[in-house]
Amino acid sequence: MDALSKIFDDIHLNKSEFIYLNPQGNWAFQYQDHSAIIAYVVLSGELYLELSTQRQVYAQAGDIVLIPSGGSHVGKSSTQLEWLDALDISDLFQQKRQQTIEFGEASGEKSFILAMHGTMDSIMAKPLLNALPDYMHIHHIMSSTAPEWLQIGLQFLAVESHQIRPGRDKILDHLISILFIECVRDYIAQLNDSNNWLSALTHPELSNALTAIHGQPEKSWTVETLAEQCCMSRSKFANLFAQIVGESPLAYLQQHRLRLAAQYLRHGQLSIQQIAYKVGYSSETAFSQTFKKQFALTPSQYRQQFQQALIK
């Protein structure tokens, strides 16, 4: 499995849901920050997205806007519109899943927007989200110039969303994952900055090291053995890795191991010792000390805190 595929496997993108927004006249909605990917497909009308006071996105019919980190944002019919009474759609993906939400005024222009939402492990996704822009905007998805994968994916999504068949939820998870992966691949293909973690994923040599780290984190990797994976000298590999990824190979390896350990602690039943071995530590003590430096909690405390938060 290549590095990008393993990364998407690790972030656990799931629980995908969608709703249709059918606003009219002057309208606004807001979305609160979640550990989720969210995308808007403007089927008719238009949408102004306010990601911050300094950043706004205008999308018209046939556009898709994807917000990888699921950060807080506001959608509205006009840039001039006040949004103090904006409809909060954050919980509607669960409460009104697959339904059409009508809001706004009784008269005026209508818009019709497909909003898609998928949860993910934000800790495992941190390197990916840090390397991606705040949003990705694809124009004219229904035109003949739009990527074929996008047209097919949206058509398939439309069919699945109107039929209740066995395995439907899993298919929706995969469809939204595919849409996200393809958006990321398109972004990488157009990336001009070579000193970016995403560039390393497609680098002819460095991608082998990332595949090794993400595919076999339990192995006793050294700079030398990672360099061998790339058929490079130790010094050339170390310098190139630091230049493009932004940190040394062993620092990156340690951060990935700790993120993976945190995931095991949150979602698995493995003992601390078993987790230590699975992420490349031969000593439970060494693992616990390193983990505490990173998360300010021992592995046991981290697991307990997560379990208590689930109960609340």
Protein backbone atom coordinates (compact mmCIF):
# COMPACT_ATOMS: atom_id res chain seq x y z
CA MET A 1 0.00 0.00 0.00
CA ASP A 2 1.42 3.41 -0.96
CA ALA A 3 1.85 6.18 1.63
CA LEU A 4 -1.21 8.25 0.66
CA SER A 5 -3.47 5.17 0.72
CA LYS A 6 -2.16 4.19 4.17
CA ILE A 7 -2.67 7.72 5.46
CA PHE A 8 -6.30 7.71 4.35
CA ASP A 9 -6.67 4.29 5.92
CA ASP A 10 -5.30 5.62 9.21
CA ILE A 11 -7.53 8.70 9.47
CA HIS A 12 -10.66 6.52 9.66
CA LEU A 13 -12.95 8.64 7.51
CA ASN A 14 -16.41 7.26 8.28
CA LYS A 15 -19.94 8.00 9.48
CA SER A 16 -20.61 9.90 6.29
CA GLU A 17 -23.88 11.78 6.13
CA PHE A 18 -25.49 14.32 3.87
CA ILE A 19 -28.34 16.78 3.87
CA TYR A 20 -29.84 19.00 1.21
CA LEU A 21 -30.02 22.72 1.97
CA ASN A 22 -32.88 24.52 0.20
CA PRO A 23 -32.70 28.18 1.33
CA GLN A 24 -34.69 31.05 -0.16
CA GLY A 25 -34.41 34.86 -0.17
CA ASN A 26 -31.94 36.20 2.39
CA TRP A 27 -30.47 33.37 4.41
CA ALA A 28 -27.47 32.21 6.38
CA PHE A 29 -26.26 29.05 8.07
CA GLN A 30 -23.34 28.29 10.32
CA TYR A 31 -21.27 25.20 11.00
CA GLN A 32 -19.37 24.71 14.25
CA ASP A 33 -15.86 23.28 14.30
CA HIS A 34 -15.86 19.46 14.17
CA SER A 35 -13.23 16.82 13.46
CA ALA A 36 -14.83 16.23 10.11
CA ILE A 37 -14.49 16.79 6.41
CA ILE A 38 -17.31 18.81 4.92
CA ALA A 39 -18.14 19.55 1.30
CA TYR A 40 -20.80 21.64 -0.39
CA VAL A 41 -22.04 20.93 -3.91
CA VAL A 42 -24.03 23.88 -5.27
CA LEU A 43 -26.70 22.27 -7.46
CA SER A 44 -28.53 25.54 -8.17
CA GLY A 45 -28.26 29.15 -7.04
CA GLU A 46 -25.16 30.40 -5.28
CA LEU A 47 -23.33 30.26 -1.96
CA TYR A 48 -21.00 32.66 -0.17
CA LEU A 49 -18.83 30.86 2.37
CA GLU A 50 -17.11 32.89 5.07
CA LEU A 51 -14.20 30.89 6.47
CA SER A 52 -12.85 33.85 8.42
CA THR A 53 -13.20 37.61 8.41
CA GLN A 54 -10.44 37.73 5.81
CA ARG A 55 -11.38 34.76 3.65
CA GLN A 56 -14.57 34.31 1.65
CA VAL A 57 -15.42 31.90 -1.14
CA TYR A 58 -18.05 32.41 -3.81
CA ALA A 59 -19.52 29.22 -5.29
CA GLN A 60 -22.14 29.08 -8.01
CA ALA A 61 -24.22 26.30 -9.52
CA GLY A 62 -21.94 23.46 -10.57
CA ASP A 63 -19.19 24.18 -8.00
CA ILE A 64 -17.96 22.06 -5.12
CA VAL A 65 -16.16 23.48 -2.09
CA LEU A 66 -14.41 21.07 0.25
CA ILE A 67 -13.23 22.12 3.72
CA PRO A 68 -10.78 19.40 4.87
CA SER A 69 -10.53 20.36 8.53
CA GLY A 70 -14.24 21.00 9.06
CA GLY A 71 -13.45 24.32 10.73
CA SER A 72 -16.16 26.76 11.74
CA HIS A 73 -17.65 28.72 8.86
CA VAL A 74 -20.75 30.57 7.72
CA GLY A 75 -22.70 30.18 4.48
CA LYS A 76 -25.02 32.90 3.23
CA SER A 77 -26.85 34.35 0.25
CA SER A 78 -24.92 37.62 0.19
CA THR A 79 -21.66 39.03 1.52
CA GLN A 80 -23.58 41.98 2.92
CA LEU A 81 -25.95 39.84 4.98
CA GLU A 82 -25.73 39.82 8.76
CA TRP A 83 -25.84 36.28 10.11
CA LEU A 84 -26.76 36.68 13.77
CA ASP A 85 -29.75 34.38 13.27
CA ALA A 86 -27.94 31.87 11.07
CA LEU A 87 -29.28 28.32 11.07
CA ASP A 88 -26.82 26.01 12.84
CA ILE A 89 -26.46 22.91 10.65
CA SER A 90 -23.73 21.23 12.76
CA ASP A 91 -26.06 18.63 14.28
CA LEU A 92 -28.46 18.35 11.35
CA PHE A 93 -26.31 15.71 9.64
CA GLN A 94 -27.43 13.37 12.44
CA GLN A 95 -30.84 14.80 13.26
CA LYS A 96 -32.05 15.38 9.68
CA ARG A 97 -29.81 12.99 7.78
CA GLN A 98 -30.63 12.65 4.08
CA GLN A 99 -33.46 15.19 4.40
CA THR A 100 -34.04 18.56 2.72
CA ILE A 101 -33.77 21.55 5.05
CA GLU A 102 -35.78 24.60 4.02
CA PHE A 103 -34.95 27.95 5.63
CA GLY A 104 -34.65 31.65 4.84
CA GLU A 105 -37.56 33.77 3.63
CA ALA A 106 -40.90 33.01 2.01
CA SER A 107 -39.95 34.70 -1.24
CA GLY A 108 -36.86 35.39 -3.28
CA GLU A 109 -34.24 33.38 -5.14
CA LYS A 110 -33.73 29.78 -4.11
CA SER A 111 -30.54 27.76 -3.86
CA PHE A 112 -30.17 24.01 -3.63
CA ILE A 113 -27.02 22.71 -1.98
CA LEU A 114 -25.84 19.19 -1.20
CA ALA A 115 -23.86 19.24 2.06
CA MET A 116 -21.72 16.17 2.82
CA HIS A 117 -20.00 15.42 6.10
CA GLY A 118 -17.64 12.66 7.22
CA THR A 119 -15.92 12.24 10.59
CA MET A 120 -12.25 11.37 10.90
CA ASP A 121 -9.43 10.91 13.39
CA SER A 122 -8.13 14.48 13.55
CA ILE A 123 -4.93 13.48 15.36
CA MET A 124 -3.93 10.95 12.69
CA ALA A 125 -4.99 13.41 9.99
CA LYS A 126 -2.91 16.27 11.40
CA PRO A 127 0.00 16.11 8.88
CA LEU A 128 -2.46 15.91 5.99
CA LEU A 129 -4.65 18.74 7.23
CA ASN A 130 -1.63 20.94 7.96
CA ALA A 131 -0.40 20.46 4.39
CA LEU A 132 -3.75 21.17 2.74
CA PRO A 133 -5.27 24.62 2.19
CA ASP A 134 -8.25 25.78 4.25
CA TYR A 135 -10.52 24.86 1.36
CA MET A 136 -10.47 23.33 -2.12
CA HIS A 137 -12.74 24.79 -4.79
CA ILE A 138 -13.55 22.88 -7.97
CA HIS A 139 -15.50 24.85 -10.57
CA HIS A 140 -18.15 23.66 -13.02
CA ILE A 141 -18.30 20.02 -11.92
CA MET A 142 -21.14 19.26 -14.29
CA SER A 143 -19.41 20.62 -17.39
CA SER A 144 -17.59 18.51 -19.94
CA THR A 145 -14.26 19.85 -18.66
CA ALA A 146 -14.83 18.59 -15.10
CA PRO A 147 -12.82 15.57 -13.92
CA GLU A 148 -14.55 12.36 -14.96
CA TRP A 149 -14.06 10.81 -11.51
CA LEU A 150 -16.04 13.67 -9.97
CA GLN A 151 -18.98 13.39 -12.35
CA ILE A 152 -19.20 9.62 -11.88
CA GLY A 153 -18.85 9.90 -8.10
CA LEU A 154 -21.61 12.47 -7.76
CA GLN A 155 -23.92 10.53 -10.05
CA PHE A 156 -23.33 7.39 -8.01
CA LEU A 157 -23.92 9.35 -4.80
CA ALA A 158 -27.24 10.61 -6.17
CA VAL A 159 -28.36 7.06 -6.98
CA GLU A 160 -27.32 5.65 -3.60
CA SER A 161 -28.85 8.52 -1.64
CA HIS A 162 -32.30 7.77 -3.07
CA GLN A 163 -32.22 4.02 -2.54
CA ILE A 164 -32.15 2.16 0.74
CA ARG A 165 -30.21 -1.01 0.01
CA PRO A 166 -27.96 -3.25 2.13
CA GLY A 167 -24.47 -1.81 2.54
CA ARG A 168 -25.62 1.69 1.63
CA ASP A 169 -23.91 3.44 4.58
CA LYS A 170 -20.59 1.80 3.79
CA ILE A 171 -20.87 2.80 0.14
CA LEU A 172 -21.55 6.42 1.15
CA ASP A 173 -18.44 6.34 3.36
CA HIS A 174 -16.39 5.08 0.41
CA LEU A 175 -17.90 7.61 -2.01
CA ILE A 176 -17.10 10.58 0.21
CA SER A 177 -13.63 9.12 0.85
CA ILE A 178 -13.08 8.85 -2.91
CA LEU A 179 -14.22 12.44 -3.46
CA PHE A 180 -11.80 13.63 -0.77
CA ILE A 181 -8.89 11.50 -2.01
CA GLU A 182 -9.35 12.66 -5.59
CA CYS A 183 -9.52 16.31 -4.49
CA VAL A 184 -6.24 15.81 -2.61
CA ARG A 185 -4.66 14.08 -5.61
CA ASP A 186 -5.71 16.93 -7.90
CA TYR A 187 -4.27 19.42 -5.40
CA ILE A 188 -0.95 17.52 -5.25
CA ALA A 189 -0.78 17.44 -9.05
CA GLN A 190 -1.11 21.24 -9.18
CA LEU A 191 1.18 21.91 -6.22
CA ASN A 192 3.97 24.36 -7.03
CA ASP A 193 5.69 24.24 -3.63
CA SER A 194 8.12 21.33 -3.67
CA ASN A 195 8.92 21.80 0.03
CA ASN A 196 5.60 20.44 1.20
CA TRP A 197 4.76 17.21 3.01
CA LEU A 198 2.33 16.35 0.22
CA SER A 199 5.16 16.56 -2.33
CA ALA A 200 7.03 13.87 -0.41
CA LEU A 201 4.12 11.47 -0.96
CA THR A 202 4.73 11.51 -4.71
CA HIS A 203 8.48 12.08 -4.65
CA PRO A 204 10.21 9.29 -6.64
CA GLU A 205 12.54 8.46 -3.73
CA LEU A 206 11.11 9.90 -0.51
CA SER A 207 7.69 8.32 -1.02
CA ASN A 208 9.33 4.94 -0.37
CA ALA A 209 10.45 6.08 3.08
CA LEU A 210 6.99 7.40 3.95
CA THR A 211 5.44 4.14 2.74
CA ALA A 212 7.83 2.23 5.01
CA ILE A 213 7.12 4.43 8.05
CA HIS A 214 3.34 4.36 7.65
CA GLY A 215 3.20 0.73 6.57
CA GLN A 216 5.52 -0.75 9.19
CA PRO A 217 5.82 1.66 12.13
CA GLU A 218 6.81 -1.20 14.44
CA LYS A 219 10.11 -1.82 12.66
CA SER A 220 13.35 -0.54 14.15
CA TRP A 221 13.90 2.06 11.45
CA THR A 222 17.09 4.10 11.36
CA VAL A 223 18.12 6.86 8.99
CA GLU A 224 20.31 4.32 7.22
CA THR A 225 17.58 1.72 6.70
CA LEU A 226 15.10 4.37 5.54
CA ALA A 227 17.70 5.73 3.13
CA GLU A 228 18.11 2.20 1.76
CA GLN A 229 14.38 2.12 1.01
CA CYS A 230 14.96 5.16 -1.20
CA CYS A 231 18.22 3.89 -2.74
CA MET A 232 19.96 7.01 -1.43
CA SER A 233 22.99 7.76 0.71
CA ARG A 234 22.31 8.47 4.37
CA SER A 235 23.31 12.15 4.23
CA LYS A 236 21.51 12.92 0.97
CA PHE A 237 18.33 11.23 2.22
CA ALA A 238 18.38 12.98 5.60
CA ASN A 239 18.92 16.41 4.05
CA LEU A 240 16.28 15.96 1.36
CA PHE A 241 13.74 14.57 3.83
CA ALA A 242 14.21 17.50 6.22
CA GLN A 243 14.04 19.99 3.35
CA ILE A 244 10.75 18.69 1.92
CA VAL A 245 8.96 17.28 4.98
CA GLY A 246 10.14 19.96 7.41
CA GLU A 247 11.60 17.67 10.08
CA SER A 248 14.18 14.90 10.33
CA PRO A 249 13.24 11.30 9.38
CA LEU A 250 13.43 10.05 12.97
CA ALA A 251 11.43 12.99 14.33
CA TYR A 252 8.73 12.30 11.75
CA LEU A 253 8.81 8.59 12.63
CA GLN A 254 8.40 9.34 16.33
CA GLN A 255 5.47 11.71 15.74
CA HIS A 256 3.70 9.16 13.56
CA ARG A 257 4.22 6.41 16.14
CA LEU A 258 2.80 8.58 18.92
CA ARG A 259 -0.23 9.59 16.86
CA LEU A 260 -0.84 5.93 16.07
CA ALA A 261 -0.45 4.99 19.73
CA ALA A 262 -3.01 7.63 20.68
CA GLN A 263 -5.43 6.10 18.18
CA TYR A 264 -4.93 2.62 19.66
CA LEU A 265 -5.52 4.02 23.15
CA ARG A 266 -8.75 5.72 22.11
CA HIS A 267 -10.28 2.96 20.03
CA GLY A 268 -8.73 -0.36 21.01
CA GLN A 269 -8.51 -2.76 23.91
CA LEU A 270 -4.79 -3.45 23.65
CA SER A 271 -2.65 -3.18 26.77
CA ILE A 272 -0.10 -0.37 27.07
CA GLN A 273 2.69 -2.89 26.52
CA GLN A 274 1.05 -4.29 23.39
CA ILE A 275 0.59 -0.77 22.00
CA ALA A 276 4.23 0.06 22.77
CA TYR A 277 5.40 -2.93 20.72
CA LYS A 278 2.98 -2.16 17.86
CA VAL A 279 4.44 1.30 17.44
CA GLY A 280 8.09 0.29 17.62
CA TYR A 281 9.04 0.56 21.30
CA SER A 282 10.74 -2.42 22.94
CA SER A 283 10.23 -0.89 26.38
CA GLU A 284 6.87 0.09 27.84
CA THR A 285 8.64 2.55 30.15
CA ALA A 286 10.39 4.32 27.28
CA PHE A 287 7.12 4.47 25.36
CA SER A 288 5.20 5.90 28.33
CA GLN A 289 7.83 8.57 28.98
CA THR A 290 7.91 9.66 25.33
CA PHE A 291 4.10 9.64 25.12
CA LYS A 292 3.79 11.83 28.22
CA LYS A 293 6.23 14.37 26.77
CA GLN A 294 4.02 14.67 23.71
CA PHE A 295 0.52 14.59 25.25
CA ALA A 296 1.25 15.72 28.86
CA LEU A 297 -0.52 12.55 30.05
CA THR A 298 0.62 8.98 30.57
CA PRO A 299 -0.92 6.46 28.15
CA SER A 300 -3.23 5.20 30.91
CA GLN A 301 -4.37 8.72 31.79
CA TYR A 302 -4.93 9.52 28.11
CA ARG A 303 -7.13 6.45 27.65
CA GLN A 304 -9.06 7.16 30.84
CA GLN A 305 -9.66 10.78 29.86
CA PHE A 306 -11.02 9.73 26.46
CA GLN A 307 -13.31 7.09 27.96
CA GLN A 308 -14.68 9.59 30.52
CA ALA A 309 -15.38 12.10 27.74
CA LEU A 310 -17.46 9.47 25.91
CA ILE A 311 -19.65 8.95 28.96
CA LYS A 312 -20.48 12.65 29.33
